[in-house]
Amino acid sequence: MTVENAIVFVVDDDPSVRKSLGRLIRSVGLAVETFATAHEFLEQQCLKGPSCLILDVKMPGISGLELQEKLLSQEYAMPIVFITGHGDIPMSVKAIKKGAVNFLSKPFDEKDLLEALYEALQKDSIARAVREEQEEIHRRLESLTPREYEILTHVITGRLNKQIAYSLDISEKTIKIHRGRVMNKMGVDSVAELVRLTEKVDIKPA
């Protein structure tokens, strides 16, 4: 399985681990960047393609679990696969509960690691697609006037134009005009499509 334009980040203070992981990941056709510390990783540029992080738990300075916390505090955090020679069950449970894809103890089987990587990259690819769609929906919503937005919240309830006109105390003709503009700006042909779009960004019906 491959994920287009994917990159794997490795953060581990052990040079031999970074080297072996880099070799393994490149051997299956994936791009990889390695870092000795969490601080180095945090300075890297944000990428547009799918990505994931192989993260050692115990490192000098910022630990793996502390880095996970920092990433979770951001708007978006890439999936993490933890590796450790010092792990225990409570630690792994904590990491998984906070969204880690897997928690592997050294020495680990290469197949298990690659499976975890593919799962993480697929998860990130899906998350990015959802986020991009939501951003596009928000861009369309921002193109609406306050009155059009208000009417949108009534339209997605399934009400007829005359019912909306009565609720807002304006003419049915005015509702029809605004409704047409809403449908056009939102890029939909039916109320059902409009409802599906607004549900994806949690717009509440009037």
N, C-alpha and C. Protein backbone atom coordinates (compact mmCIF):
# COMPACT_ATOMS: atom_id res chain seq x y z
N MET A 1 0.83 -1.18 0.00
CA MET A 1 0.00 0.00 0.00
C MET A 1 0.87 1.24 0.00
N THR A 2 0.51 2.25 -0.78
CA THR A 2 1.26 3.50 -0.81
C THR A 2 0.33 4.67 -0.59
N VAL A 3 0.85 5.74 -0.04
CA VAL A 3 0.09 6.96 0.15
C VAL A 3 0.84 8.06 -0.58
N GLU A 4 0.20 8.70 -1.55
CA GLU A 4 0.86 9.67 -2.41
C GLU A 4 1.43 10.84 -1.61
N ASN A 5 2.67 11.22 -1.96
CA ASN A 5 3.35 12.36 -1.34
C ASN A 5 3.49 12.23 0.18
N ALA A 6 3.53 11.01 0.67
CA ALA A 6 3.62 10.80 2.12
C ALA A 6 5.05 10.95 2.60
N ILE A 7 5.18 11.35 3.85
CA ILE A 7 6.50 11.44 4.48
C ILE A 7 6.39 10.97 5.92
N VAL A 8 7.40 10.25 6.36
CA VAL A 8 7.46 9.74 7.73
C VAL A 8 8.55 10.50 8.47
N PHE A 9 8.23 11.00 9.65
CA PHE A 9 9.21 11.68 10.50
C PHE A 9 9.62 10.72 11.62
N VAL A 10 10.90 10.67 11.89
CA VAL A 10 11.43 9.83 12.96
C VAL A 10 12.12 10.73 13.98
N VAL A 11 11.73 10.62 15.25
CA VAL A 11 12.39 11.37 16.31
C VAL A 11 12.90 10.37 17.34
N ASP A 12 14.23 10.22 17.40
CA ASP A 12 14.86 9.28 18.33
C ASP A 12 16.28 9.76 18.59
N ASP A 13 16.69 9.75 19.85
CA ASP A 13 18.02 10.26 20.19
C ASP A 13 19.14 9.28 19.89
N ASP A 14 18.79 8.06 19.50
CA ASP A 14 19.79 7.03 19.20
C ASP A 14 20.12 7.07 17.69
N PRO A 15 21.35 7.45 17.31
CA PRO A 15 21.71 7.55 15.90
C PRO A 15 21.51 6.23 15.13
N SER A 16 21.82 5.11 15.79
CA SER A 16 21.69 3.82 15.10
C SER A 16 20.24 3.49 14.81
N VAL A 17 19.35 3.88 15.71
CA VAL A 17 17.91 3.65 15.48
C VAL A 17 17.43 4.53 14.33
N ARG A 18 17.85 5.80 14.33
CA ARG A 18 17.46 6.70 13.24
C ARG A 18 17.93 6.16 11.89
N LYS A 19 19.16 5.67 11.87
CA LYS A 19 19.73 5.16 10.63
C LYS A 19 18.98 3.93 10.13
N SER A 20 18.71 2.99 11.03
CA SER A 20 18.04 1.74 10.63
C SER A 20 16.60 2.00 10.23
N LEU A 21 15.92 2.89 10.95
CA LEU A 21 14.54 3.21 10.60
C LEU A 21 14.48 3.94 9.27
N GLY A 22 15.43 4.84 9.05
CA GLY A 22 15.46 5.56 7.78
C GLY A 22 15.64 4.60 6.61
N ARG A 23 16.54 3.62 6.78
CA ARG A 23 16.79 2.63 5.74
C ARG A 23 15.54 1.78 5.49
N LEU A 24 14.89 1.36 6.55
CA LEU A 24 13.69 0.52 6.42
C LEU A 24 12.58 1.27 5.71
N ILE A 25 12.34 2.49 6.12
CA ILE A 25 11.22 3.26 5.55
C ILE A 25 11.47 3.57 4.07
N ARG A 26 12.70 3.94 3.74
CA ARG A 26 13.01 4.21 2.32
C ARG A 26 12.91 2.96 1.47
N SER A 27 13.16 1.78 2.09
CA SER A 27 13.13 0.52 1.34
C SER A 27 11.74 0.19 0.82
N VAL A 28 10.71 0.78 1.42
CA VAL A 28 9.33 0.52 0.95
C VAL A 28 8.79 1.72 0.17
N GLY A 29 9.69 2.62 -0.24
CA GLY A 29 9.30 3.70 -1.12
C GLY A 29 8.72 4.93 -0.46
N LEU A 30 8.93 5.05 0.86
CA LEU A 30 8.40 6.22 1.56
C LEU A 30 9.52 7.21 1.86
N ALA A 31 9.20 8.49 1.79
CA ALA A 31 10.16 9.53 2.16
C ALA A 31 10.27 9.58 3.68
N VAL A 32 11.44 9.92 4.17
CA VAL A 32 11.65 9.95 5.62
C VAL A 32 12.60 11.08 5.99
N GLU A 33 12.33 11.70 7.12
CA GLU A 33 13.23 12.69 7.71
C GLU A 33 13.43 12.30 9.17
N THR A 34 14.68 12.38 9.64
CA THR A 34 14.99 11.96 11.01
C THR A 34 15.49 13.14 11.85
N PHE A 35 15.19 13.08 13.14
CA PHE A 35 15.57 14.13 14.09
C PHE A 35 16.06 13.49 15.38
N ALA A 36 17.08 14.13 15.99
CA ALA A 36 17.64 13.60 17.22
C ALA A 36 16.85 14.03 18.45
N THR A 37 16.13 15.15 18.33
CA THR A 37 15.37 15.66 19.47
C THR A 37 14.00 16.16 19.03
N ALA A 38 13.10 16.26 20.00
CA ALA A 38 11.77 16.80 19.74
C ALA A 38 11.87 18.26 19.32
N HIS A 39 12.82 18.98 19.91
CA HIS A 39 13.00 20.39 19.57
C HIS A 39 13.34 20.56 18.09
N GLU A 40 14.23 19.72 17.57
CA GLU A 40 14.57 19.78 16.15
C GLU A 40 13.33 19.53 15.29
N PHE A 41 12.55 18.55 15.69
CA PHE A 41 11.34 18.22 14.92
C PHE A 41 10.37 19.39 14.89
N LEU A 42 10.19 20.05 16.02
CA LEU A 42 9.23 21.15 16.11
C LEU A 42 9.63 22.33 15.23
N GLU A 43 10.89 22.40 14.83
CA GLU A 43 11.35 23.48 13.97
C GLU A 43 11.13 23.19 12.49
N GLN A 44 10.74 21.95 12.15
CA GLN A 44 10.55 21.61 10.73
C GLN A 44 9.30 22.26 10.17
N GLN A 45 9.31 22.45 8.87
CA GLN A 45 8.19 23.11 8.19
C GLN A 45 6.99 22.18 8.09
N CYS A 46 5.81 22.77 8.19
CA CYS A 46 4.58 21.99 8.04
C CYS A 46 4.41 21.58 6.58
N LEU A 47 4.09 20.33 6.35
CA LEU A 47 3.94 19.82 4.98
C LEU A 47 2.47 19.64 4.62
N LYS A 48 2.21 19.67 3.31
CA LYS A 48 0.83 19.56 2.84
C LYS A 48 0.39 18.11 2.66
N GLY A 49 1.37 17.21 2.40
CA GLY A 49 1.00 15.83 2.14
C GLY A 49 0.80 15.02 3.41
N PRO A 50 0.27 13.79 3.27
CA PRO A 50 0.08 12.91 4.42
C PRO A 50 1.40 12.63 5.13
N SER A 51 1.35 12.57 6.45
CA SER A 51 2.57 12.34 7.21
C SER A 51 2.23 11.63 8.52
N CYS A 52 3.26 11.08 9.13
CA CYS A 52 3.10 10.49 10.46
C CYS A 52 4.43 10.58 11.18
N LEU A 53 4.41 10.26 12.45
CA LEU A 53 5.58 10.45 13.30
C LEU A 53 5.90 9.17 14.05
N ILE A 54 7.16 8.69 13.88
CA ILE A 54 7.67 7.61 14.72
C ILE A 54 8.42 8.28 15.85
N LEU A 55 8.00 8.03 17.07
CA LEU A 55 8.49 8.82 18.19
C LEU A 55 8.97 7.95 19.34
N ASP A 56 10.22 8.19 19.74
CA ASP A 56 10.76 7.51 20.92
C ASP A 56 10.13 8.13 22.17
N VAL A 57 9.90 7.33 23.18
CA VAL A 57 9.25 7.83 24.39
C VAL A 57 10.20 8.65 25.25
N LYS A 58 11.38 8.09 25.55
CA LYS A 58 12.31 8.77 26.45
C LYS A 58 13.47 9.36 25.67
N MET A 59 13.57 10.70 25.73
CA MET A 59 14.64 11.42 25.04
C MET A 59 15.09 12.59 25.91
N PRO A 60 16.31 13.10 25.68
CA PRO A 60 16.76 14.29 26.41
C PRO A 60 15.86 15.49 26.08
N GLY A 61 15.65 16.36 27.03
CA GLY A 61 14.81 17.52 26.78
C GLY A 61 13.34 17.13 26.77
N ILE A 62 12.66 17.44 25.69
CA ILE A 62 11.24 17.13 25.56
C ILE A 62 11.07 15.64 25.30
N SER A 63 10.33 14.94 26.14
CA SER A 63 10.10 13.50 25.96
C SER A 63 9.07 13.27 24.85
N GLY A 64 8.96 12.01 24.45
CA GLY A 64 7.97 11.67 23.43
C GLY A 64 6.54 11.98 23.85
N LEU A 65 6.21 11.65 25.09
CA LEU A 65 4.86 11.91 25.58
C LEU A 65 4.60 13.41 25.70
N GLU A 66 5.64 14.16 26.06
CA GLU A 66 5.49 15.63 26.14
C GLU A 66 5.30 16.22 24.75
N LEU A 67 6.00 15.66 23.76
CA LEU A 67 5.83 16.14 22.38
C LEU A 67 4.41 15.84 21.89
N GLN A 68 3.91 14.67 22.25
CA GLN A 68 2.53 14.33 21.89
C GLN A 68 1.56 15.38 22.44
N GLU A 69 1.77 15.79 23.69
CA GLU A 69 0.92 16.81 24.32
C GLU A 69 1.01 18.13 23.55
N LYS A 70 2.22 18.51 23.16
CA LYS A 70 2.41 19.76 22.43
C LYS A 70 1.67 19.71 21.09
N LEU A 71 1.76 18.59 20.40
CA LEU A 71 1.10 18.46 19.10
C LEU A 71 -0.42 18.47 19.25
N LEU A 72 -0.91 17.86 20.32
CA LEU A 72 -2.35 17.83 20.56
C LEU A 72 -2.92 19.22 20.84
N SER A 73 -2.06 20.12 21.37
CA SER A 73 -2.52 21.47 21.68
C SER A 73 -2.63 22.33 20.43
N GLN A 74 -2.07 21.85 19.31
CA GLN A 74 -2.14 22.59 18.06
C GLN A 74 -3.46 22.28 17.35
N GLU A 75 -3.74 23.06 16.32
CA GLU A 75 -4.98 22.87 15.56
C GLU A 75 -5.03 21.49 14.92
N TYR A 76 -3.89 21.00 14.50
CA TYR A 76 -3.84 19.69 13.85
C TYR A 76 -2.60 18.94 14.30
N ALA A 77 -2.74 17.66 14.60
CA ALA A 77 -1.60 16.85 15.02
C ALA A 77 -1.53 15.58 14.18
N MET A 78 -0.36 15.31 13.61
CA MET A 78 -0.21 14.11 12.79
C MET A 78 -0.24 12.85 13.66
N PRO A 79 -0.64 11.72 13.09
CA PRO A 79 -0.68 10.46 13.85
C PRO A 79 0.72 10.04 14.31
N ILE A 80 0.75 9.41 15.48
CA ILE A 80 2.04 9.02 16.08
C ILE A 80 2.10 7.51 16.30
N VAL A 81 3.27 6.95 15.97
CA VAL A 81 3.59 5.57 16.33
C VAL A 81 4.74 5.65 17.33
N PHE A 82 4.49 5.24 18.57
CA PHE A 82 5.53 5.29 19.60
C PHE A 82 6.39 4.04 19.55
N ILE A 83 7.69 4.24 19.77
CA ILE A 83 8.61 3.11 19.95
C ILE A 83 9.38 3.37 21.24
N THR A 84 9.67 2.31 21.98
CA THR A 84 10.37 2.52 23.25
C THR A 84 11.06 1.25 23.74
N GLY A 85 12.13 1.47 24.47
CA GLY A 85 12.80 0.36 25.15
C GLY A 85 12.50 0.42 26.63
N HIS A 86 11.68 1.40 27.03
CA HIS A 86 11.43 1.62 28.45
C HIS A 86 9.93 1.68 28.76
N GLY A 87 9.11 1.21 27.86
CA GLY A 87 7.67 1.38 28.03
C GLY A 87 7.06 0.45 29.05
N ASP A 88 5.90 0.84 29.52
CA ASP A 88 5.13 -0.04 30.38
C ASP A 88 3.66 0.10 29.98
N ILE A 89 2.82 -0.74 30.55
CA ILE A 89 1.42 -0.76 30.14
C ILE A 89 0.71 0.56 30.41
N PRO A 90 0.83 1.16 31.61
CA PRO A 90 0.16 2.45 31.85
C PRO A 90 0.59 3.53 30.85
N MET A 91 1.88 3.53 30.51
CA MET A 91 2.40 4.52 29.57
C MET A 91 1.79 4.32 28.18
N SER A 92 1.72 3.07 27.74
CA SER A 92 1.16 2.79 26.42
C SER A 92 -0.33 3.10 26.37
N VAL A 93 -1.05 2.78 27.45
CA VAL A 93 -2.48 3.08 27.50
C VAL A 93 -2.71 4.58 27.41
N LYS A 94 -1.89 5.34 28.12
CA LYS A 94 -2.00 6.81 28.11
C LYS A 94 -1.79 7.35 26.70
N ALA A 95 -0.76 6.84 26.02
CA ALA A 95 -0.45 7.32 24.68
C ALA A 95 -1.55 6.97 23.69
N ILE A 96 -2.07 5.75 23.76
CA ILE A 96 -3.12 5.31 22.86
C ILE A 96 -4.41 6.11 23.09
N LYS A 97 -4.74 6.36 24.35
CA LYS A 97 -5.94 7.12 24.67
C LYS A 97 -5.88 8.53 24.09
N LYS A 98 -4.66 9.03 23.97
CA LYS A 98 -4.50 10.38 23.43
C LYS A 98 -4.30 10.38 21.92
N GLY A 99 -4.56 9.25 21.29
CA GLY A 99 -4.60 9.22 19.84
C GLY A 99 -3.47 8.52 19.13
N ALA A 100 -2.48 8.00 19.86
CA ALA A 100 -1.38 7.30 19.19
C ALA A 100 -1.92 6.09 18.43
N VAL A 101 -1.35 5.85 17.26
CA VAL A 101 -1.81 4.72 16.44
C VAL A 101 -1.32 3.39 17.01
N ASN A 102 -0.09 3.38 17.53
CA ASN A 102 0.45 2.14 18.10
C ASN A 102 1.58 2.48 19.06
N PHE A 103 1.94 1.49 19.87
CA PHE A 103 2.99 1.65 20.88
C PHE A 103 3.81 0.37 20.84
N LEU A 104 4.99 0.44 20.21
CA LEU A 104 5.80 -0.76 19.99
C LEU A 104 7.03 -0.75 20.89
N SER A 105 7.30 -1.88 21.51
CA SER A 105 8.48 -2.00 22.37
C SER A 105 9.67 -2.50 21.56
N LYS A 106 10.86 -1.90 21.80
CA LYS A 106 12.09 -2.35 21.16
C LYS A 106 12.57 -3.64 21.82
N PRO A 107 13.09 -4.60 21.07
CA PRO A 107 13.13 -4.60 19.60
C PRO A 107 11.77 -5.00 19.03
N PHE A 108 11.34 -4.36 17.99
CA PHE A 108 10.03 -4.64 17.40
C PHE A 108 10.21 -5.31 16.04
N ASP A 109 9.18 -5.97 15.59
CA ASP A 109 9.20 -6.61 14.28
C ASP A 109 9.01 -5.55 13.21
N GLU A 110 9.82 -5.58 12.17
CA GLU A 110 9.73 -4.57 11.10
C GLU A 110 8.35 -4.58 10.45
N LYS A 111 7.76 -5.73 10.31
CA LYS A 111 6.44 -5.83 9.70
C LYS A 111 5.41 -5.11 10.54
N ASP A 112 5.49 -5.25 11.86
CA ASP A 112 4.55 -4.57 12.76
C ASP A 112 4.69 -3.05 12.63
N LEU A 113 5.94 -2.59 12.53
CA LEU A 113 6.17 -1.16 12.40
C LEU A 113 5.60 -0.63 11.08
N LEU A 114 5.88 -1.34 10.00
CA LEU A 114 5.39 -0.89 8.69
C LEU A 114 3.86 -0.88 8.63
N GLU A 115 3.24 -1.88 9.23
CA GLU A 115 1.78 -1.91 9.28
C GLU A 115 1.24 -0.71 10.05
N ALA A 116 1.91 -0.38 11.15
CA ALA A 116 1.50 0.77 11.94
C ALA A 116 1.69 2.07 11.15
N LEU A 117 2.77 2.15 10.38
CA LEU A 117 3.03 3.34 9.57
C LEU A 117 1.96 3.53 8.50
N TYR A 118 1.63 2.45 7.80
CA TYR A 118 0.61 2.55 6.76
C TYR A 118 -0.74 2.95 7.35
N GLU A 119 -1.04 2.40 8.51
CA GLU A 119 -2.30 2.76 9.18
C GLU A 119 -2.30 4.25 9.54
N ALA A 120 -1.18 4.72 10.06
CA ALA A 120 -1.07 6.13 10.45
C ALA A 120 -1.17 7.05 9.23
N LEU A 121 -0.50 6.70 8.14
CA LEU A 121 -0.52 7.53 6.94
C LEU A 121 -1.91 7.55 6.31
N GLN A 122 -2.58 6.41 6.31
CA GLN A 122 -3.94 6.36 5.78
C GLN A 122 -4.87 7.22 6.64
N LYS A 123 -4.69 7.14 7.94
CA LYS A 123 -5.50 7.94 8.87
C LYS A 123 -5.28 9.43 8.61
N ASP A 124 -4.02 9.80 8.40
CA ASP A 124 -3.71 11.21 8.16
C ASP A 124 -4.25 11.67 6.82
N SER A 125 -4.16 10.82 5.81
CA SER A 125 -4.67 11.16 4.49
C SER A 125 -6.17 11.45 4.54
N ILE A 126 -6.91 10.60 5.26
CA ILE A 126 -8.36 10.78 5.39
C ILE A 126 -8.66 12.06 6.17
N ALA A 127 -7.91 12.28 7.26
CA ALA A 127 -8.14 13.46 8.09
C ALA A 127 -7.88 14.74 7.30
N ARG A 128 -6.84 14.73 6.48
CA ARG A 128 -6.53 15.91 5.67
C ARG A 128 -7.63 16.18 4.64
N ALA A 129 -8.16 15.12 4.04
CA ALA A 129 -9.22 15.29 3.05
C ALA A 129 -10.47 15.89 3.70
N VAL A 130 -10.80 15.40 4.90
CA VAL A 130 -11.96 15.93 5.63
C VAL A 130 -11.74 17.39 5.98
N ARG A 131 -10.53 17.71 6.44
CA ARG A 131 -10.23 19.08 6.84
C ARG A 131 -10.30 20.04 5.63
N GLU A 132 -9.78 19.59 4.49
CA GLU A 132 -9.82 20.42 3.29
C GLU A 132 -11.26 20.67 2.83
N GLU A 133 -12.09 19.63 2.94
CA GLU A 133 -13.49 19.80 2.56
C GLU A 133 -14.19 20.78 3.49
N GLN A 134 -13.91 20.68 4.79
CA GLN A 134 -14.51 21.60 5.74
C GLN A 134 -14.07 23.05 5.48
N GLU A 135 -12.80 23.22 5.15
CA GLU A 135 -12.31 24.57 4.86
C GLU A 135 -13.00 25.15 3.64
N GLU A 136 -13.25 24.31 2.63
CA GLU A 136 -13.94 24.78 1.42
C GLU A 136 -15.38 25.17 1.76
N ILE A 137 -16.04 24.38 2.59
CA ILE A 137 -17.42 24.70 2.99
C ILE A 137 -17.44 26.03 3.73
N HIS A 138 -16.47 26.24 4.61
CA HIS A 138 -16.41 27.51 5.36
C HIS A 138 -16.17 28.69 4.41
N ARG A 139 -15.37 28.48 3.37
CA ARG A 139 -15.14 29.56 2.40
C ARG A 139 -16.45 29.93 1.71
N ARG A 140 -17.24 28.93 1.38
CA ARG A 140 -18.54 29.20 0.73
C ARG A 140 -19.48 29.92 1.69
N LEU A 141 -19.48 29.48 2.94
CA LEU A 141 -20.34 30.13 3.95
C LEU A 141 -19.97 31.60 4.14
N GLU A 142 -18.68 31.87 4.09
CA GLU A 142 -18.22 33.25 4.29
C GLU A 142 -18.63 34.16 3.14
N SER A 143 -18.98 33.57 1.99
CA SER A 143 -19.43 34.38 0.86
C SER A 143 -20.89 34.82 0.99
N LEU A 144 -21.62 34.24 1.96
CA LEU A 144 -23.02 34.58 2.17
C LEU A 144 -23.14 35.90 2.94
N THR A 145 -24.19 36.66 2.62
CA THR A 145 -24.50 37.83 3.43
C THR A 145 -25.16 37.36 4.72
N PRO A 146 -25.23 38.22 5.75
CA PRO A 146 -25.90 37.82 7.00
C PRO A 146 -27.33 37.33 6.77
N ARG A 147 -28.06 38.00 5.87
CA ARG A 147 -29.44 37.58 5.58
C ARG A 147 -29.47 36.22 4.89
N GLU A 148 -28.54 35.99 3.95
CA GLU A 148 -28.49 34.71 3.25
C GLU A 148 -28.14 33.59 4.23
N TYR A 149 -27.23 33.86 5.15
CA TYR A 149 -26.88 32.85 6.14
C TYR A 149 -28.09 32.53 7.01
N GLU A 150 -28.82 33.55 7.41
CA GLU A 150 -30.01 33.35 8.23
C GLU A 150 -31.01 32.47 7.50
N ILE A 151 -31.21 32.76 6.22
CA ILE A 151 -32.17 31.98 5.42
C ILE A 151 -31.67 30.55 5.24
N LEU A 152 -30.34 30.38 5.08
CA LEU A 152 -29.77 29.03 4.98
C LEU A 152 -30.17 28.20 6.20
N THR A 153 -30.09 28.78 7.38
CA THR A 153 -30.42 28.01 8.59
C THR A 153 -31.89 27.60 8.63
N HIS A 154 -32.74 28.35 7.92
CA HIS A 154 -34.15 27.97 7.83
C HIS A 154 -34.37 26.93 6.73
N VAL A 155 -33.65 27.11 5.61
CA VAL A 155 -33.81 26.18 4.49
C VAL A 155 -33.45 24.75 4.91
N ILE A 156 -32.39 24.60 5.70
CA ILE A 156 -31.94 23.25 6.07
C ILE A 156 -32.88 22.57 7.07
N THR A 157 -33.89 23.30 7.55
CA THR A 157 -34.92 22.64 8.37
C THR A 157 -35.94 21.93 7.50
N GLY A 158 -35.92 22.24 6.17
CA GLY A 158 -36.89 21.64 5.25
C GLY A 158 -38.14 22.48 5.06
N ARG A 159 -38.15 23.69 5.61
CA ARG A 159 -39.33 24.54 5.49
C ARG A 159 -39.50 25.07 4.07
N LEU A 160 -40.75 25.31 3.70
CA LEU A 160 -41.07 25.92 2.41
C LEU A 160 -40.80 27.41 2.48
N ASN A 161 -40.71 28.03 1.28
CA ASN A 161 -40.44 29.47 1.22
C ASN A 161 -41.47 30.28 2.00
N LYS A 162 -42.73 29.91 1.87
CA LYS A 162 -43.78 30.68 2.54
C LYS A 162 -43.69 30.55 4.06
N GLN A 163 -43.23 29.37 4.52
CA GLN A 163 -43.07 29.19 5.96
C GLN A 163 -41.90 30.03 6.49
N ILE A 164 -40.81 30.08 5.72
CA ILE A 164 -39.66 30.89 6.11
C ILE A 164 -40.04 32.37 6.09
N ALA A 165 -40.79 32.76 5.05
CA ALA A 165 -41.22 34.16 4.92
C ALA A 165 -42.06 34.57 6.13
N TYR A 166 -42.92 33.69 6.56
CA TYR A 166 -43.77 33.98 7.72
C TYR A 166 -42.92 34.13 8.99
N SER A 167 -41.93 33.22 9.15
CA SER A 167 -41.07 33.25 10.35
C SER A 167 -40.24 34.52 10.41
N LEU A 168 -39.77 34.99 9.25
CA LEU A 168 -38.89 36.16 9.22
C LEU A 168 -39.63 37.47 8.92
N ASP A 169 -40.92 37.33 8.66
CA ASP A 169 -41.77 38.49 8.39
C ASP A 169 -41.26 39.29 7.18
N ILE A 170 -40.92 38.56 6.12
CA ILE A 170 -40.57 39.18 4.84
C ILE A 170 -41.30 38.45 3.73
N SER A 171 -41.29 39.01 2.52
CA SER A 171 -42.09 38.44 1.44
C SER A 171 -41.53 37.11 0.96
N GLU A 172 -42.43 36.29 0.45
CA GLU A 172 -42.04 35.00 -0.09
C GLU A 172 -41.12 35.18 -1.30
N LYS A 173 -41.36 36.24 -2.09
CA LYS A 173 -40.53 36.52 -3.25
C LYS A 173 -39.08 36.79 -2.83
N THR A 174 -38.93 37.56 -1.74
CA THR A 174 -37.59 37.87 -1.23
C THR A 174 -36.88 36.61 -0.77
N ILE A 175 -37.62 35.73 -0.10
CA ILE A 175 -37.05 34.45 0.34
C ILE A 175 -36.58 33.64 -0.86
N LYS A 176 -37.39 33.61 -1.91
CA LYS A 176 -37.06 32.84 -3.11
C LYS A 176 -35.76 33.34 -3.72
N ILE A 177 -35.59 34.67 -3.78
CA ILE A 177 -34.37 35.26 -4.36
C ILE A 177 -33.15 34.90 -3.51
N HIS A 178 -33.27 35.10 -2.20
CA HIS A 178 -32.14 34.79 -1.31
C HIS A 178 -31.82 33.30 -1.32
N ARG A 179 -32.84 32.48 -1.35
CA ARG A 179 -32.64 31.03 -1.36
C ARG A 179 -31.84 30.62 -2.60
N GLY A 180 -32.18 31.21 -3.74
CA GLY A 180 -31.46 30.90 -4.98
C GLY A 180 -30.00 31.29 -4.87
N ARG A 181 -29.73 32.44 -4.26
CA ARG A 181 -28.34 32.89 -4.08
C ARG A 181 -27.58 31.97 -3.14
N VAL A 182 -28.26 31.53 -2.10
CA VAL A 182 -27.64 30.59 -1.15
C VAL A 182 -27.23 29.31 -1.85
N MET A 183 -28.14 28.75 -2.63
CA MET A 183 -27.86 27.48 -3.32
C MET A 183 -26.70 27.66 -4.30
N ASN A 184 -26.68 28.80 -4.98
CA ASN A 184 -25.63 29.07 -5.96
C ASN A 184 -24.28 29.23 -5.28
N LYS A 185 -24.22 30.04 -4.24
CA LYS A 185 -22.95 30.29 -3.55
C LYS A 185 -22.43 29.04 -2.85
N MET A 186 -23.32 28.20 -2.37
CA MET A 186 -22.90 26.97 -1.69
C MET A 186 -22.60 25.84 -2.68
N GLY A 187 -22.92 26.05 -3.96
CA GLY A 187 -22.59 25.07 -4.99
C GLY A 187 -23.40 23.80 -4.92
N VAL A 188 -24.69 23.93 -4.57
CA VAL A 188 -25.55 22.75 -4.45
C VAL A 188 -26.81 22.93 -5.31
N ASP A 189 -27.44 21.81 -5.64
CA ASP A 189 -28.65 21.83 -6.47
C ASP A 189 -29.89 21.42 -5.71
N SER A 190 -29.73 20.95 -4.49
CA SER A 190 -30.89 20.48 -3.73
C SER A 190 -30.71 20.80 -2.24
N VAL A 191 -31.81 20.78 -1.53
CA VAL A 191 -31.77 21.00 -0.09
C VAL A 191 -31.01 19.87 0.59
N ALA A 192 -31.18 18.66 0.07
CA ALA A 192 -30.49 17.50 0.65
C ALA A 192 -28.98 17.70 0.61
N GLU A 193 -28.45 18.20 -0.51
CA GLU A 193 -27.02 18.46 -0.63
C GLU A 193 -26.59 19.56 0.34
N LEU A 194 -27.43 20.59 0.46
CA LEU A 194 -27.13 21.69 1.37
C LEU A 194 -27.07 21.19 2.81
N VAL A 195 -27.99 20.34 3.17
CA VAL A 195 -28.02 19.78 4.52
C VAL A 195 -26.76 18.97 4.80
N ARG A 196 -26.34 18.16 3.82
CA ARG A 196 -25.13 17.35 4.00
C ARG A 196 -23.89 18.22 4.21
N LEU A 197 -23.80 19.31 3.44
CA LEU A 197 -22.66 20.21 3.59
C LEU A 197 -22.64 20.86 4.97
N THR A 198 -23.78 21.38 5.39
CA THR A 198 -23.83 22.10 6.67
C THR A 198 -23.62 21.17 7.85
N GLU A 199 -24.02 19.91 7.73
CA GLU A 199 -23.79 18.95 8.81
C GLU A 199 -22.30 18.70 9.01
N LYS A 200 -21.53 18.79 7.92
CA LYS A 200 -20.09 18.52 8.00
C LYS A 200 -19.35 19.62 8.75
N VAL A 201 -19.95 20.78 8.89
CA VAL A 201 -19.31 21.87 9.66
C VAL A 201 -20.19 22.30 10.83
N ASP A 202 -21.14 21.42 11.18
CA ASP A 202 -21.96 21.58 12.40
C ASP A 202 -22.76 22.89 12.43
N ILE A 203 -23.38 23.23 11.28
CA ILE A 203 -24.28 24.38 11.24
C ILE A 203 -25.63 23.96 11.80
N LYS A 204 -26.12 24.70 12.77
CA LYS A 204 -27.38 24.35 13.42
C LYS A 204 -28.57 24.93 12.65
N PRO A 205 -29.62 24.14 12.40
CA PRO A 205 -30.84 24.65 11.77
C PRO A 205 -31.49 25.70 12.65
N ALA A 206 -32.23 26.62 12.03
CA ALA A 206 -32.93 27.66 12.79
C ALA A 206 -33.94 27.02 13.72
